[in-house]
Amino acid sequence: MSSSNNVRAEFSSAFRRNREAYQQHENAKTELKKLMPDDAKEAIGHGIHARRSKSGAVTIDLLRTEDSYAPVQ
């Protein structure tokens, strides 16, 4: 029982510590998706790569450090 309580305490602590960062991350992702032009298939810049699927969903990925200055395609 005590081991279970320790694990629960650890995960609860991590959840509380990271909650604000998670909310900022989700908000930034939402806003970045809104900024992508409707007719764009992909956008690259500022360390991220955004891609639009055939269904219209936008996926955002981090670029590797050496790719972060790649030209916009």
C-alpha atoms as a PDB file:
ATOM      1  CA  MET A   1       0.000   0.000   0.000  1.00  0.00           C
ATOM      2  CA  SER A   2       2.769   2.416   0.890  1.00  0.00           C
ATOM      3  CA  SER A   3       4.553   1.777  -2.423  1.00  0.00           C
ATOM      4  CA  SER A   4       1.344   2.550  -4.302  1.00  0.00           C
ATOM      5  CA  ASN A   5       0.932   5.761  -2.334  1.00  0.00           C
ATOM      6  CA  ASN A   6       4.522   6.784  -3.153  1.00  0.00           C
ATOM      7  CA  VAL A   7       3.976   6.196  -6.857  1.00  0.00           C
ATOM      8  CA  ARG A   8       0.709   8.124  -6.749  1.00  0.00           C
ATOM      9  CA  ALA A   9       2.451  10.979  -4.916  1.00  0.00           C
ATOM     10  CA  GLU A  10       5.251  11.084  -7.503  1.00  0.00           C
ATOM     11  CA  PHE A  11       2.855  11.184 -10.458  1.00  0.00           C
ATOM     12  CA  SER A  12       0.627  13.740  -8.742  1.00  0.00           C
ATOM     13  CA  SER A  13       3.629  15.952  -8.125  1.00  0.00           C
ATOM     14  CA  ALA A  14       4.781  15.667 -11.754  1.00  0.00           C
ATOM     15  CA  PHE A  15       1.245  16.436 -12.945  1.00  0.00           C
ATOM     16  CA  ARG A  16       1.051  19.592 -10.806  1.00  0.00           C
ATOM     17  CA  ARG A  17       4.567  20.754 -11.799  1.00  0.00           C
ATOM     18  CA  ASN A  18       3.924  20.347 -15.518  1.00  0.00           C
ATOM     19  CA  ARG A  19       0.293  21.443 -15.797  1.00  0.00           C
ATOM     20  CA  GLU A  20       0.998  25.087 -16.707  1.00  0.00           C
ATOM     21  CA  ALA A  21       3.672  24.147 -19.256  1.00  0.00           C
ATOM     22  CA  TYR A  22       1.283  21.624 -20.811  1.00  0.00           C
ATOM     23  CA  GLN A  23      -1.452  24.249 -21.101  1.00  0.00           C
ATOM     24  CA  GLN A  24       0.975  26.718 -22.709  1.00  0.00           C
ATOM     25  CA  HIS A  25       2.114  24.000 -25.119  1.00  0.00           C
ATOM     26  CA  GLU A  26      -1.441  23.145 -26.155  1.00  0.00           C
ATOM     27  CA  ASN A  27      -2.328  26.830 -26.595  1.00  0.00           C
ATOM     28  CA  ALA A  28       0.781  27.459 -28.724  1.00  0.00           C
ATOM     29  CA  LYS A  29      -0.021  24.418 -30.875  1.00  0.00           C
ATOM     30  CA  THR A  30      -3.592  25.621 -31.417  1.00  0.00           C
ATOM     31  CA  GLU A  31      -2.466  29.142 -32.331  1.00  0.00           C
ATOM     32  CA  LEU A  32       0.245  27.876 -34.703  1.00  0.00           C
ATOM     33  CA  LYS A  33      -2.300  25.728 -36.520  1.00  0.00           C
ATOM     34  CA  LYS A  34      -4.545  28.797 -36.946  1.00  0.00           C
ATOM     35  CA  LEU A  35      -1.649  30.756 -38.473  1.00  0.00           C
ATOM     36  CA  MET A  36      -1.020  28.194 -41.207  1.00  0.00           C
ATOM     37  CA  PRO A  37      -2.654  29.340 -44.458  1.00  0.00           C
ATOM     38  CA  ASP A  38      -5.553  27.150 -45.566  1.00  0.00           C
ATOM     39  CA  ASP A  39      -3.954  26.464 -48.943  1.00  0.00           C
ATOM     40  CA  ALA A  40      -0.510  25.546 -47.550  1.00  0.00           C
ATOM     41  CA  LYS A  41       0.545  21.902 -47.517  1.00  0.00           C
ATOM     42  CA  GLU A  42       3.480  22.575 -45.193  1.00  0.00           C
ATOM     43  CA  ALA A  43       5.283  25.383 -43.430  1.00  0.00           C
ATOM     44  CA  ILE A  44       8.790  25.392 -41.977  1.00  0.00           C
ATOM     45  CA  GLY A  45      10.339  27.997 -39.723  1.00  0.00           C
ATOM     46  CA  HIS A  46      11.421  28.990 -36.238  1.00  0.00           C
ATOM     47  CA  GLY A  47      12.373  25.404 -35.404  1.00  0.00           C
ATOM     48  CA  ILE A  48       9.094  23.744 -36.352  1.00  0.00           C
ATOM     49  CA  HIS A  49       7.630  21.931 -39.350  1.00  0.00           C
ATOM     50  CA  ALA A  50       3.860  22.022 -39.847  1.00  0.00           C
ATOM     51  CA  ARG A  51       2.208  19.629 -42.309  1.00  0.00           C
ATOM     52  CA  ARG A  52      -1.369  19.425 -43.518  1.00  0.00           C
ATOM     53  CA  SER A  53      -2.763  15.947 -44.232  1.00  0.00           C
ATOM     54  CA  LYS A  54      -5.146  15.177 -47.075  1.00  0.00           C
ATOM     55  CA  SER A  55      -8.006  15.311 -44.568  1.00  0.00           C
ATOM     56  CA  GLY A  56      -6.927  18.833 -43.524  1.00  0.00           C
ATOM     57  CA  ALA A  57      -5.455  18.000 -40.104  1.00  0.00           C
ATOM     58  CA  VAL A  58      -2.292  19.948 -39.236  1.00  0.00           C
ATOM     59  CA  THR A  59       0.605  18.180 -37.518  1.00  0.00           C
ATOM     60  CA  ILE A  60       3.421  20.167 -35.926  1.00  0.00           C
ATOM     61  CA  ASP A  61       6.856  18.644 -35.296  1.00  0.00           C
ATOM     62  CA  LEU A  62      10.100  20.016 -33.939  1.00  0.00           C
ATOM     63  CA  LEU A  63      12.989  20.322 -36.354  1.00  0.00           C
ATOM     64  CA  ARG A  64      16.431  19.144 -35.413  1.00  0.00           C
ATOM     65  CA  THR A  65      18.723  22.029 -34.465  1.00  0.00           C
ATOM     66  CA  GLU A  66      20.651  21.894 -37.734  1.00  0.00           C
ATOM     67  CA  ASP A  67      17.371  21.968 -39.732  1.00  0.00           C
ATOM     68  CA  SER A  68      15.835  24.941 -37.941  1.00  0.00           C
ATOM     69  CA  TYR A  69      17.145  27.426 -40.517  1.00  0.00           C
ATOM     70  CA  ALA A  70      15.956  25.462 -43.549  1.00  0.00           C
ATOM     71  CA  PRO A  71      14.386  27.544 -46.327  1.00  0.00           C
ATOM     72  CA  VAL A  72      10.595  27.676 -46.573  1.00  0.00           C
ATOM     73  CA  GLN A  73       9.332  25.309 -49.248  1.00  0.00           C
END
